[in-house]
Amino acid sequence: MPSSVIAGIRYDAERKRLVVNFVTGRVFEYIDVPPDVARAFRSAFSKGTFFNTYIRDRYDHRELTREHS
């Protein structure tokens, strides 16, 4: 299901890094995200709700947006 908040999700299982692209154009990398959380995020009916409940404010992160502009 398309999300009104999340434009895309990438996960690097080897490094446990989750990259979230927001519809605003901002991109964040979340660190030490377990594979089961990334899998559940990808399959969640509401990506925004899942993100706010299980990812935001729970994992260290950094913004990548400026690195690619």
N, C-alpha and C. Protein backbone atom coordinates (compact mmCIF):
# COMPACT_ATOMS: atom_id res chain seq x y z
N MET A 1 0.83 -1.18 0.00
CA MET A 1 0.00 0.00 0.00
C MET A 1 0.88 1.25 0.00
N PRO A 2 0.61 2.20 -0.85
CA PRO A 2 1.38 3.44 -0.87
C PRO A 2 1.22 4.21 0.44
N SER A 3 2.25 4.93 0.80
CA SER A 3 2.23 5.70 2.04
C SER A 3 2.21 7.19 1.72
N SER A 4 1.52 7.95 2.54
CA SER A 4 1.51 9.40 2.35
C SER A 4 2.72 10.05 3.02
N VAL A 5 3.50 9.25 3.74
CA VAL A 5 4.66 9.77 4.48
C VAL A 5 5.97 9.16 3.99
N ILE A 6 5.98 7.85 3.76
CA ILE A 6 7.20 7.12 3.40
C ILE A 6 7.23 6.88 1.89
N ALA A 7 8.29 7.36 1.24
CA ALA A 7 8.42 7.19 -0.20
C ALA A 7 9.18 5.92 -0.56
N GLY A 8 10.06 5.46 0.33
CA GLY A 8 10.84 4.26 0.04
C GLY A 8 11.61 3.78 1.25
N ILE A 9 11.93 2.48 1.22
CA ILE A 9 12.66 1.83 2.31
C ILE A 9 13.74 0.96 1.70
N ARG A 10 14.95 1.06 2.24
CA ARG A 10 16.05 0.14 1.86
C ARG A 10 16.65 -0.40 3.14
N TYR A 11 17.04 -1.67 3.12
CA TYR A 11 17.64 -2.27 4.31
C TYR A 11 18.89 -3.04 3.93
N ASP A 12 19.97 -2.79 4.65
CA ASP A 12 21.23 -3.51 4.48
C ASP A 12 21.34 -4.46 5.67
N ALA A 13 21.00 -5.73 5.45
CA ALA A 13 20.98 -6.71 6.54
C ALA A 13 22.37 -6.94 7.13
N GLU A 14 23.38 -6.89 6.31
CA GLU A 14 24.75 -7.12 6.80
C GLU A 14 25.17 -6.04 7.80
N ARG A 15 24.81 -4.81 7.52
CA ARG A 15 25.19 -3.68 8.40
C ARG A 15 24.07 -3.28 9.36
N LYS A 16 22.89 -3.90 9.21
CA LYS A 16 21.70 -3.57 10.02
C LYS A 16 21.37 -2.08 9.93
N ARG A 17 21.39 -1.57 8.70
CA ARG A 17 21.09 -0.16 8.44
C ARG A 17 19.81 -0.06 7.63
N LEU A 18 18.89 0.74 8.11
CA LEU A 18 17.62 0.98 7.44
C LEU A 18 17.63 2.40 6.91
N VAL A 19 17.40 2.56 5.62
CA VAL A 19 17.34 3.89 5.01
C VAL A 19 15.88 4.16 4.64
N VAL A 20 15.37 5.28 5.13
CA VAL A 20 13.98 5.64 4.90
C VAL A 20 13.95 6.94 4.10
N ASN A 21 13.28 6.89 2.95
CA ASN A 21 13.06 8.08 2.13
C ASN A 21 11.65 8.58 2.42
N PHE A 22 11.56 9.83 2.79
CA PHE A 22 10.25 10.43 3.09
C PHE A 22 9.74 11.18 1.86
N VAL A 23 8.43 11.34 1.77
CA VAL A 23 7.85 12.03 0.62
C VAL A 23 8.31 13.49 0.56
N THR A 24 8.80 14.03 1.66
CA THR A 24 9.31 15.40 1.69
C THR A 24 10.65 15.52 0.96
N GLY A 25 11.28 14.37 0.66
CA GLY A 25 12.59 14.38 0.04
C GLY A 25 13.73 14.14 1.02
N ARG A 26 13.43 14.15 2.30
CA ARG A 26 14.47 13.89 3.30
C ARG A 26 14.73 12.40 3.39
N VAL A 27 16.00 12.06 3.66
CA VAL A 27 16.42 10.66 3.74
C VAL A 27 17.19 10.47 5.04
N PHE A 28 16.82 9.43 5.79
CA PHE A 28 17.47 9.13 7.05
C PHE A 28 17.94 7.69 7.08
N GLU A 29 19.08 7.46 7.73
CA GLU A 29 19.60 6.12 7.95
C GLU A 29 19.48 5.80 9.43
N TYR A 30 18.85 4.66 9.74
CA TYR A 30 18.68 4.20 11.10
C TYR A 30 19.64 3.04 11.34
N ILE A 31 20.31 3.06 12.50
CA ILE A 31 21.44 2.18 12.78
C ILE A 31 21.04 1.07 13.74
N ASP A 32 21.58 -0.14 13.48
CA ASP A 32 21.35 -1.32 14.32
C ASP A 32 19.88 -1.73 14.38
N VAL A 33 19.20 -1.64 13.25
CA VAL A 33 17.81 -2.07 13.17
C VAL A 33 17.80 -3.57 12.89
N PRO A 34 17.16 -4.36 13.75
CA PRO A 34 17.12 -5.81 13.54
C PRO A 34 16.36 -6.18 12.25
N PRO A 35 16.76 -7.28 11.62
CA PRO A 35 16.10 -7.70 10.38
C PRO A 35 14.60 -7.90 10.53
N ASP A 36 14.14 -8.42 11.67
CA ASP A 36 12.70 -8.65 11.83
C ASP A 36 11.92 -7.34 11.87
N VAL A 37 12.51 -6.28 12.41
CA VAL A 37 11.86 -4.96 12.42
C VAL A 37 11.78 -4.42 10.99
N ALA A 38 12.87 -4.55 10.25
CA ALA A 38 12.88 -4.08 8.86
C ALA A 38 11.85 -4.84 8.02
N ARG A 39 11.77 -6.15 8.21
CA ARG A 39 10.78 -6.96 7.49
C ARG A 39 9.36 -6.54 7.82
N ALA A 40 9.08 -6.35 9.10
CA ALA A 40 7.75 -5.94 9.54
C ALA A 40 7.40 -4.55 8.99
N PHE A 41 8.38 -3.66 8.95
CA PHE A 41 8.17 -2.32 8.40
C PHE A 41 7.78 -2.41 6.93
N ARG A 42 8.52 -3.20 6.20
CA ARG A 42 8.27 -3.35 4.76
C ARG A 42 6.86 -3.89 4.50
N SER A 43 6.38 -4.78 5.35
CA SER A 43 5.08 -5.41 5.11
C SER A 43 3.92 -4.73 5.87
N ALA A 44 4.21 -3.70 6.65
CA ALA A 44 3.17 -3.03 7.43
C ALA A 44 2.13 -2.38 6.53
N PHE A 45 0.88 -2.47 6.94
CA PHE A 45 -0.21 -1.84 6.19
C PHE A 45 -0.03 -0.32 6.17
N SER A 46 0.27 0.25 7.34
CA SER A 46 0.52 1.69 7.43
C SER A 46 1.99 1.92 7.77
N LYS A 47 2.75 2.30 6.77
CA LYS A 47 4.19 2.53 6.97
C LYS A 47 4.43 3.67 7.96
N GLY A 48 3.64 4.74 7.86
CA GLY A 48 3.82 5.87 8.75
C GLY A 48 3.57 5.51 10.21
N THR A 49 2.50 4.77 10.46
CA THR A 49 2.19 4.35 11.83
C THR A 49 3.26 3.42 12.36
N PHE A 50 3.69 2.46 11.55
CA PHE A 50 4.74 1.54 11.98
C PHE A 50 6.02 2.31 12.30
N PHE A 51 6.40 3.21 11.41
CA PHE A 51 7.61 4.00 11.62
C PHE A 51 7.53 4.77 12.93
N ASN A 52 6.42 5.46 13.16
CA ASN A 52 6.29 6.27 14.38
C ASN A 52 6.28 5.42 15.64
N THR A 53 5.74 4.22 15.57
CA THR A 53 5.62 3.36 16.74
C THR A 53 6.88 2.56 17.04
N TYR A 54 7.53 2.03 15.99
CA TYR A 54 8.61 1.06 16.20
C TYR A 54 10.01 1.52 15.79
N ILE A 55 10.13 2.64 15.08
CA ILE A 55 11.45 3.05 14.59
C ILE A 55 11.84 4.44 15.09
N ARG A 56 11.00 5.41 14.84
CA ARG A 56 11.31 6.79 15.24
C ARG A 56 11.58 6.85 16.75
N ASP A 57 12.64 7.52 17.11
CA ASP A 57 13.05 7.71 18.51
C ASP A 57 13.50 6.43 19.20
N ARG A 58 13.66 5.33 18.47
CA ARG A 58 14.12 4.08 19.08
C ARG A 58 15.52 3.67 18.61
N TYR A 59 15.94 4.20 17.47
CA TYR A 59 17.25 3.83 16.91
C TYR A 59 18.05 5.10 16.62
N ASP A 60 19.37 4.99 16.81
CA ASP A 60 20.23 6.10 16.40
C ASP A 60 20.06 6.30 14.91
N HIS A 61 20.19 7.54 14.49
CA HIS A 61 20.00 7.82 13.07
C HIS A 61 20.81 9.05 12.66
N ARG A 62 20.90 9.19 11.35
CA ARG A 62 21.54 10.38 10.79
C ARG A 62 20.84 10.72 9.49
N GLU A 63 20.83 11.99 9.19
CA GLU A 63 20.19 12.42 7.94
C GLU A 63 21.19 12.32 6.80
N LEU A 64 20.75 11.71 5.70
CA LEU A 64 21.60 11.56 4.52
C LEU A 64 21.24 12.58 3.46
N THR A 65 20.16 13.27 3.60
CA THR A 65 19.64 14.16 2.57
C THR A 65 20.71 15.11 2.06
N ARG A 66 21.39 15.78 2.95
CA ARG A 66 22.37 16.79 2.52
C ARG A 66 23.58 16.19 1.84
N GLU A 67 23.89 14.92 2.14
CA GLU A 67 25.04 14.27 1.52
C GLU A 67 24.83 14.04 0.03
N HIS A 68 23.57 13.98 -0.40
CA HIS A 68 23.27 13.68 -1.79
C HIS A 68 22.76 14.89 -2.55
N SER A 69 22.75 16.07 -1.93
CA SER A 69 22.24 17.24 -2.64
C SER A 69 23.35 18.09 -3.21
